[in-house]
């Protein structure tokens, strides 16, 4: 059986040190195991009417508890490579500046996009099953 290599751009964040964000099947499983139910990165905080289209759209905000969960799960490979044991509380304590929260959201969003995003032209996959 041939081995398939998919090259993805590494994603790094700088907190206490440069750390790599990794989102793969193991990450998804960690999130589902630790999430105990709903673990969406985004929460609906209301609705608004789009002034251009008139359509009602959800207003979203980051779910901070789940952000910490996603960040914890995505940092596990990096932590293991540095012989670290990161708990959820450790990860929350890494974010000592509000701008670092934004940095984490952007990095995780990019990792999610790489994981769930478009495949190279010509490849087809079965549709994802929602949890």
Protein backbone atom coordinates (compact mmCIF):
# COMPACT_ATOMS: atom_id res chain seq x y z
CA UNK A 1 0.00 0.00 0.00
CA UNK A 2 1.40 3.41 -0.96
CA UNK A 3 1.89 6.08 1.67
CA UNK A 4 0.23 9.43 1.04
CA UNK A 5 1.87 12.57 2.37
CA UNK A 6 -0.20 15.71 2.74
CA UNK A 7 1.89 18.81 3.27
CA UNK A 8 0.26 21.48 5.37
CA UNK A 9 1.74 24.80 6.32
CA UNK A 10 2.88 24.66 9.97
CA UNK A 11 1.03 27.02 12.29
CA UNK A 12 2.91 28.63 15.17
CA UNK A 13 1.89 30.89 18.05
CA UNK A 14 4.18 32.81 20.35
CA UNK A 15 3.13 32.76 23.98
CA UNK A 16 5.71 31.86 26.64
CA UNK A 17 7.67 30.35 23.74
CA UNK A 18 6.98 29.51 20.11
CA UNK A 19 4.50 26.64 20.01
CA UNK A 20 3.11 24.68 17.08
CA UNK A 21 -0.63 24.27 16.61
CA UNK A 22 -1.57 20.86 15.19
CA UNK A 23 -5.09 19.82 14.25
CA UNK A 24 -5.57 16.24 13.10
CA UNK A 25 -7.82 13.29 13.89
CA UNK A 26 -6.16 12.83 17.29
CA UNK A 27 -6.91 16.47 18.09
CA UNK A 28 -10.54 16.06 17.12
CA UNK A 29 -10.84 12.98 19.33
CA UNK A 30 -9.27 14.81 22.31
CA UNK A 31 -11.76 17.65 21.89
CA UNK A 32 -14.70 15.26 21.70
CA UNK A 33 -13.51 13.27 24.74
CA UNK A 34 -12.84 16.32 26.91
CA UNK A 35 -15.65 18.50 25.54
CA UNK A 36 -18.44 16.55 27.25
CA UNK A 37 -21.08 17.62 24.77
CA UNK A 38 -21.14 20.80 22.77
CA UNK A 39 -17.63 21.97 22.01
CA UNK A 40 -18.08 24.52 19.26
CA UNK A 41 -15.45 27.23 19.10
CA UNK A 42 -18.18 29.78 18.38
CA UNK A 43 -21.33 30.63 20.33
CA UNK A 44 -24.39 32.39 18.95
CA UNK A 45 -24.92 35.58 20.93
CA UNK A 46 -27.89 36.91 18.99
CA UNK A 47 -29.21 37.66 15.55
CA UNK A 48 -29.17 40.68 13.29
CA UNK A 49 -30.57 41.64 9.95
CA UNK A 50 -28.02 42.04 7.17
CA UNK A 51 -28.58 45.60 5.90
CA UNK A 52 -27.63 44.62 2.33
CA UNK A 53 -29.62 41.41 1.93
CA UNK A 54 -32.28 41.67 4.62
CA UNK A 55 -31.46 38.12 5.71
CA UNK A 56 -31.35 37.32 9.41
CA UNK A 57 -27.81 36.26 10.38
CA UNK A 58 -26.40 34.80 13.58
CA UNK A 59 -24.03 36.98 15.59
CA UNK A 60 -21.15 34.85 16.84
CA UNK A 61 -18.55 35.22 19.56
CA UNK A 62 -15.73 32.99 20.70
CA UNK A 63 -16.68 30.47 23.37
CA UNK A 64 -13.70 31.01 25.70
CA UNK A 65 -14.07 27.71 27.54
CA UNK A 66 -14.00 25.84 24.24
CA UNK A 67 -11.15 28.01 22.95
CA UNK A 68 -9.08 26.78 25.88
CA UNK A 69 -10.12 23.19 25.05
CA UNK A 70 -9.20 23.55 21.36
CA UNK A 71 -5.90 25.21 22.21
CA UNK A 72 -5.07 22.50 24.75
CA UNK A 73 -5.80 19.76 22.22
CA UNK A 74 -3.89 21.44 19.39
CA UNK A 75 -0.83 22.02 21.60
CA UNK A 76 -0.51 18.40 22.78
CA UNK A 77 1.95 17.27 20.04
CA UNK A 78 4.15 20.34 20.66
CA UNK A 79 4.05 19.77 24.42
CA UNK A 80 4.97 16.10 24.00
CA UNK A 81 7.95 17.05 21.83
CA UNK A 82 9.17 19.29 24.70
CA UNK A 83 8.44 16.73 27.45
CA UNK A 84 5.65 18.92 28.85
CA UNK A 85 2.39 17.83 30.39
CA UNK A 86 -0.18 20.55 29.65
CA UNK A 87 -3.49 20.66 31.49
CA UNK A 88 -6.43 22.80 30.47
CA UNK A 89 -5.56 25.14 33.32
CA UNK A 90 -1.94 25.37 32.14
CA UNK A 91 -3.12 26.37 28.68
CA UNK A 92 -5.48 28.98 30.09
CA UNK A 93 -2.59 30.38 32.13
CA UNK A 94 -0.48 30.73 28.96
CA UNK A 95 -2.84 33.40 27.66
CA UNK A 96 -1.74 36.27 29.89
CA UNK A 97 -2.61 39.00 27.38
CA UNK A 98 -5.93 39.63 25.64
CA UNK A 99 -4.14 39.91 22.28
CA UNK A 100 -2.84 36.38 22.83
CA UNK A 101 -6.46 35.19 22.96
CA UNK A 102 -6.93 36.74 19.52
CA UNK A 103 -3.69 35.12 18.36
CA UNK A 104 -4.95 31.73 19.58
CA UNK A 105 -8.32 32.17 17.82
CA UNK A 106 -6.63 33.04 14.53
CA UNK A 107 -4.19 30.11 14.75
CA UNK A 108 -6.90 27.59 15.63
CA UNK A 109 -9.17 28.94 12.90
CA UNK A 110 -6.35 28.46 10.38
CA UNK A 111 -5.70 24.91 11.66
CA UNK A 112 -9.41 24.07 11.42
CA UNK A 113 -9.47 25.45 7.88
CA UNK A 114 -6.55 23.23 6.92
CA UNK A 115 -8.17 20.19 8.51
CA UNK A 116 -11.73 20.67 7.27
CA UNK A 117 -10.99 22.88 4.28
CA UNK A 118 -10.77 22.32 0.56
CA UNK A 119 -8.69 19.49 -0.83
CA UNK A 120 -6.40 19.88 -3.83
CA UNK A 121 -8.16 19.90 -7.20
CA UNK A 122 -9.15 16.47 -8.43
CA UNK A 123 -9.50 14.84 -5.01
CA UNK A 124 -12.89 13.92 -3.67
CA UNK A 125 -13.90 12.81 -0.20
CA UNK A 126 -17.05 11.50 1.40
CA UNK A 127 -19.04 14.22 3.17
CA UNK A 128 -18.20 14.75 6.84
CA UNK A 129 -20.54 13.33 9.43
CA UNK A 130 -21.65 15.93 11.94
CA UNK A 131 -21.24 15.12 15.59
